[in-house]
Every structure is written in structure tokens, then in C-alpha cells.
Amino acid sequence: MVKRINFFATENDMVSVLSEMEEQLPFGIKYIQCGKTDSILYSTVKDIPGLGTLREKHNEISYLIMRCDDEAVRNKFGQVYPGENGRSLEFDPSGISEDGTGLIHGMFATMEDNEISDGLYKAVRKILNAEFRKVRGWYIGKEAGRLYGKLRFICIGLSEPELYDFKITEQE
């Protein structure tokens, strides 16, 4: 069963959570960019370039978080995708839109139930529960929370009407 966590976070928020996860796990991890034949491998979240910036929509860029000793399965075109790599956690970063008007949500997701993907999911969720605010099932990073009201919190894409943006009511 696929498990998913949606979140709003800045680069600093994501680096804080994932660096802590890197330190807490009993094994090393790697990040592999999805959808490219020349997927680059990163050994720490701090090495991922452009983290915290997106052009205009959710899911523009995606990474697999895997054990460093696991080999990524590639399709016939040499690309890496989450659906073909069940022993991983998909990481779609959140980011400020290229035009600076919105914060686009990110996501963590599993593709399969297994010890590795479930362990990665539980580790990141535990840190998010401790460090982020949770509103109606969405996690909001500390720095991202300070941007609410200054930027749109975009759930789909920049070109979608503001009606579809994430809203926090006063009682939350």
C-alpha cells in the first residue's frame, strides 16, 4: 500500500529533516534523481543543487532515497523511477516558485510495503512530527510557516487558481 506525506518546506526545512534522518538511520542512504538517463547520485541532502526552488508545479523533480548499498533498477531507457524501485522512499522536494510568488508542496511516498521503504517512511515521519506543524494532515516546516500569508501555498501548480491553494484557518 502506498503511503504518502505532503508538506510545505523551504530548503533549510528539508535539509534539517533529511540531515537528521541521515544521522539517525543505522545504514547509509543515497539520493538518486528520477527520470534522467544520467541520474546523479548524492550521498547527502546538502549536496542536492537547487533544493528549495521549483519552476511552477509539484512533482517537477523527484528523487529516490535508498540504502547506499542497494542498486537502483533502471528501465529500458536507463531511467530511474519510484515504481520500479520498491525498496526506496520517493522524495519530491517542496520549493519556492521561480517567480517567487508561491511555495509549492513536496511529498514523501512509498511504492511498496517492505522493511526498507517502511523504515525510511517511519524515520522521516517521526522527524516531521517533531519538527513541523501538522495542519489537516499536511506538514509545514518552521521556516515555511513564516512564509504563510506572504506566499501562496500551492498544492497543484502556479497556474492553478488560488482557490486550490492550501489555506490555514484561524482556529488551526
Protein backbone atom coordinates (compact mmCIF):
# COMPACT_ATOMS: atom_id res chain seq x y z
CA MET A 1 0.00 0.00 0.00
CA VAL A 2 1.35 3.41 -0.95
CA LYS A 3 1.91 5.76 1.98
CA ARG A 4 2.28 9.48 1.39
CA ILE A 5 3.28 12.59 3.33
CA ASN A 6 2.55 16.02 1.85
CA PHE A 7 4.49 19.01 3.14
CA PHE A 8 5.44 22.64 2.64
CA ALA A 9 9.10 23.34 3.35
CA THR A 10 11.96 25.62 2.46
CA GLU A 11 15.43 24.36 1.59
CA ASN A 12 16.51 24.84 5.22
CA ASP A 13 13.46 22.91 6.49
CA MET A 14 14.17 19.97 4.16
CA VAL A 15 17.90 19.92 4.91
CA SER A 16 17.15 19.91 8.64
CA VAL A 17 14.78 16.94 8.42
CA LEU A 18 16.77 14.84 5.97
CA SER A 19 20.14 15.53 7.61
CA GLU A 20 18.68 14.33 10.89
CA MET A 21 17.32 11.23 9.18
CA GLU A 22 20.76 10.57 7.63
CA GLU A 23 22.29 10.70 11.11
CA GLN A 24 19.65 8.54 12.80
CA LEU A 25 19.43 5.66 10.35
CA PRO A 26 21.58 2.61 11.11
CA PHE A 27 22.65 2.48 7.44
CA GLY A 28 23.83 4.98 4.84
CA ILE A 29 21.47 6.38 2.23
CA LYS A 30 21.74 7.96 -1.19
CA TYR A 31 19.52 10.23 -3.27
CA ILE A 32 19.05 9.49 -6.97
CA GLN A 33 17.27 11.88 -9.32
CA CYS A 34 14.40 10.21 -11.17
CA GLY A 35 13.55 10.37 -14.85
CA LYS A 36 17.02 11.01 -16.28
CA THR A 37 19.40 8.67 -18.06
CA ASP A 38 22.31 10.45 -16.41
CA SER A 39 20.83 10.36 -12.90
CA ILE A 40 23.28 11.82 -10.44
CA LEU A 41 23.77 10.20 -7.08
CA TYR A 42 24.00 12.34 -3.93
CA SER A 43 25.23 10.95 -0.63
CA THR A 44 23.67 13.72 1.45
CA VAL A 45 20.74 16.10 1.01
CA LYS A 46 23.17 19.02 1.40
CA ASP A 47 24.71 18.11 -1.98
CA ILE A 48 21.47 18.36 -3.97
CA PRO A 49 21.67 21.52 -6.12
CA GLY A 50 18.69 23.86 -6.44
CA LEU A 51 16.86 22.31 -3.49
CA GLY A 52 14.02 24.56 -2.37
CA THR A 53 13.34 26.08 -5.80
CA LEU A 54 10.80 24.86 -8.36
CA ARG A 55 9.63 26.41 -11.62
CA GLU A 56 5.87 26.20 -11.30
CA LYS A 57 4.37 22.90 -10.14
CA HIS A 58 4.51 19.98 -7.76
CA ASN A 59 6.48 16.91 -8.81
CA GLU A 60 8.81 18.74 -11.21
CA ILE A 61 11.72 16.88 -9.76
CA SER A 62 11.81 13.67 -7.82
CA TYR A 63 14.46 11.66 -6.01
CA LEU A 64 14.65 8.14 -4.69
CA ILE A 65 16.03 7.79 -1.19
CA MET A 66 17.65 4.36 -0.98
CA ARG A 67 20.11 2.43 1.11
CA CYS A 68 23.56 3.26 -0.23
CA ASP A 69 24.30 -0.43 -0.81
CA ASP A 70 21.12 -1.04 -2.89
CA GLU A 71 21.30 -0.75 -6.65
CA ALA A 72 18.62 1.31 -8.40
CA VAL A 73 16.56 -0.50 -11.04
CA ARG A 74 16.58 1.36 -14.36
CA ASN A 75 14.02 1.00 -17.15
CA LYS A 76 14.96 0.08 -20.72
CA PHE A 77 15.86 3.73 -21.37
CA GLY A 78 18.24 3.84 -18.41
CA GLN A 79 15.94 5.98 -16.25
CA VAL A 80 15.17 5.51 -12.56
CA TYR A 81 11.57 5.71 -11.31
CA PRO A 82 9.96 5.07 -7.90
CA GLY A 83 7.51 2.44 -9.17
CA GLU A 84 10.37 0.22 -10.27
CA ASN A 85 12.30 0.67 -7.01
CA GLY A 86 10.11 -0.58 -4.19
CA ARG A 87 12.92 -0.56 -1.61
CA SER A 88 13.03 3.23 -1.57
CA LEU A 89 11.27 6.37 -0.45
CA GLU A 90 10.22 8.86 -3.11
CA PHE A 91 11.17 12.44 -2.25
CA ASP A 92 9.59 15.27 -4.25
CA PRO A 93 11.05 18.48 -2.81
CA SER A 94 8.95 21.47 -1.90
CA GLY A 95 10.13 24.78 -3.30
CA ILE A 96 9.57 28.44 -3.88
CA SER A 97 8.29 29.07 -7.40
CA GLU A 98 10.64 30.58 -9.94
CA ASP A 99 8.64 33.83 -9.92
CA GLY A 100 8.80 34.00 -6.10
CA THR A 101 5.04 34.15 -5.53
CA GLY A 102 4.37 30.70 -4.13
CA LEU A 103 5.66 27.81 -2.07
CA ILE A 104 4.90 24.58 -3.91
CA HIS A 105 4.29 21.48 -1.79
CA GLY A 106 6.55 18.45 -1.64
CA MET A 107 5.93 14.80 -0.88
CA PHE A 108 7.44 11.64 0.53
CA ALA A 109 5.90 8.36 -0.66
CA THR A 110 6.45 4.62 -0.61
CA MET A 111 5.62 2.39 -3.57
CA GLU A 112 5.60 -0.92 -1.69
CA ASP A 113 5.35 -2.25 1.82
CA ASN A 114 8.72 -3.67 2.80
CA GLU A 115 11.20 -3.29 5.63
CA ILE A 116 13.38 -0.70 3.86
CA SER A 117 10.72 1.65 2.44
CA ASP A 118 8.61 1.39 5.60
CA GLY A 119 11.67 2.13 7.74
CA LEU A 120 12.57 5.20 5.68
CA TYR A 121 8.97 6.40 5.78
CA LYS A 122 8.68 5.97 9.54
CA ALA A 123 12.02 7.70 10.14
CA VAL A 124 11.07 10.80 8.13
CA ARG A 125 7.56 10.91 9.58
CA LYS A 126 8.92 10.79 13.15
CA ILE A 127 11.20 13.76 12.47
CA LEU A 128 8.43 15.68 10.70
CA ASN A 129 6.12 15.08 13.68
CA ALA A 130 8.77 16.53 15.99
CA GLU A 131 9.91 19.48 13.86
CA PHE A 132 6.99 20.52 11.64
CA ARG A 133 3.49 21.77 12.35
CA LYS A 134 0.70 19.50 11.14
CA VAL A 135 -2.45 21.06 9.70
CA ARG A 136 -5.21 18.82 8.28
CA GLY A 137 -2.68 16.09 7.52
CA TRP A 138 -0.15 18.41 5.84
CA TYR A 139 3.24 19.13 7.41
CA ILE A 140 4.54 22.71 7.44
CA GLY A 141 8.19 23.43 8.17
CA LYS A 142 9.22 26.13 10.65
CA GLU A 143 10.70 28.43 8.03
CA ALA A 144 7.88 27.67 5.58
CA GLY A 145 5.33 28.57 8.25
CA ARG A 146 6.80 32.07 8.46
CA LEU A 147 6.13 32.46 4.72
CA TYR A 148 2.41 31.73 5.04
CA GLY A 149 0.45 34.85 4.08
CA LYS A 150 3.44 36.22 2.17
CA LEU A 151 3.44 33.48 -0.49
CA ARG A 152 0.73 31.29 -1.93
CA PHE A 153 0.88 27.71 -0.59
CA ILE A 154 0.44 25.85 -3.86
CA CYS A 155 -0.99 22.33 -3.92
CA ILE A 156 -1.01 21.73 -7.68
CA GLY A 157 0.72 24.36 -9.77
CA LEU A 158 1.34 28.07 -10.10
CA SER A 159 -1.12 28.41 -13.00
CA GLU A 160 -3.99 26.90 -10.97
CA PRO A 161 -6.49 29.33 -9.42
CA GLU A 162 -5.73 30.43 -5.87
CA LEU A 163 -8.96 28.65 -4.91
CA TYR A 164 -6.91 25.41 -4.94
CA ASP A 165 -4.14 26.76 -2.68
CA PHE A 166 -3.66 25.37 0.83
CA LYS A 167 -5.33 27.59 3.41
CA ILE A 168 -4.86 27.70 7.17
CA THR A 169 -7.86 28.91 9.13
CA GLU A 170 -7.51 30.90 12.35
CA GLN A 171 -8.69 28.05 14.57
CA GLU A 172 -5.93 25.71 13.33
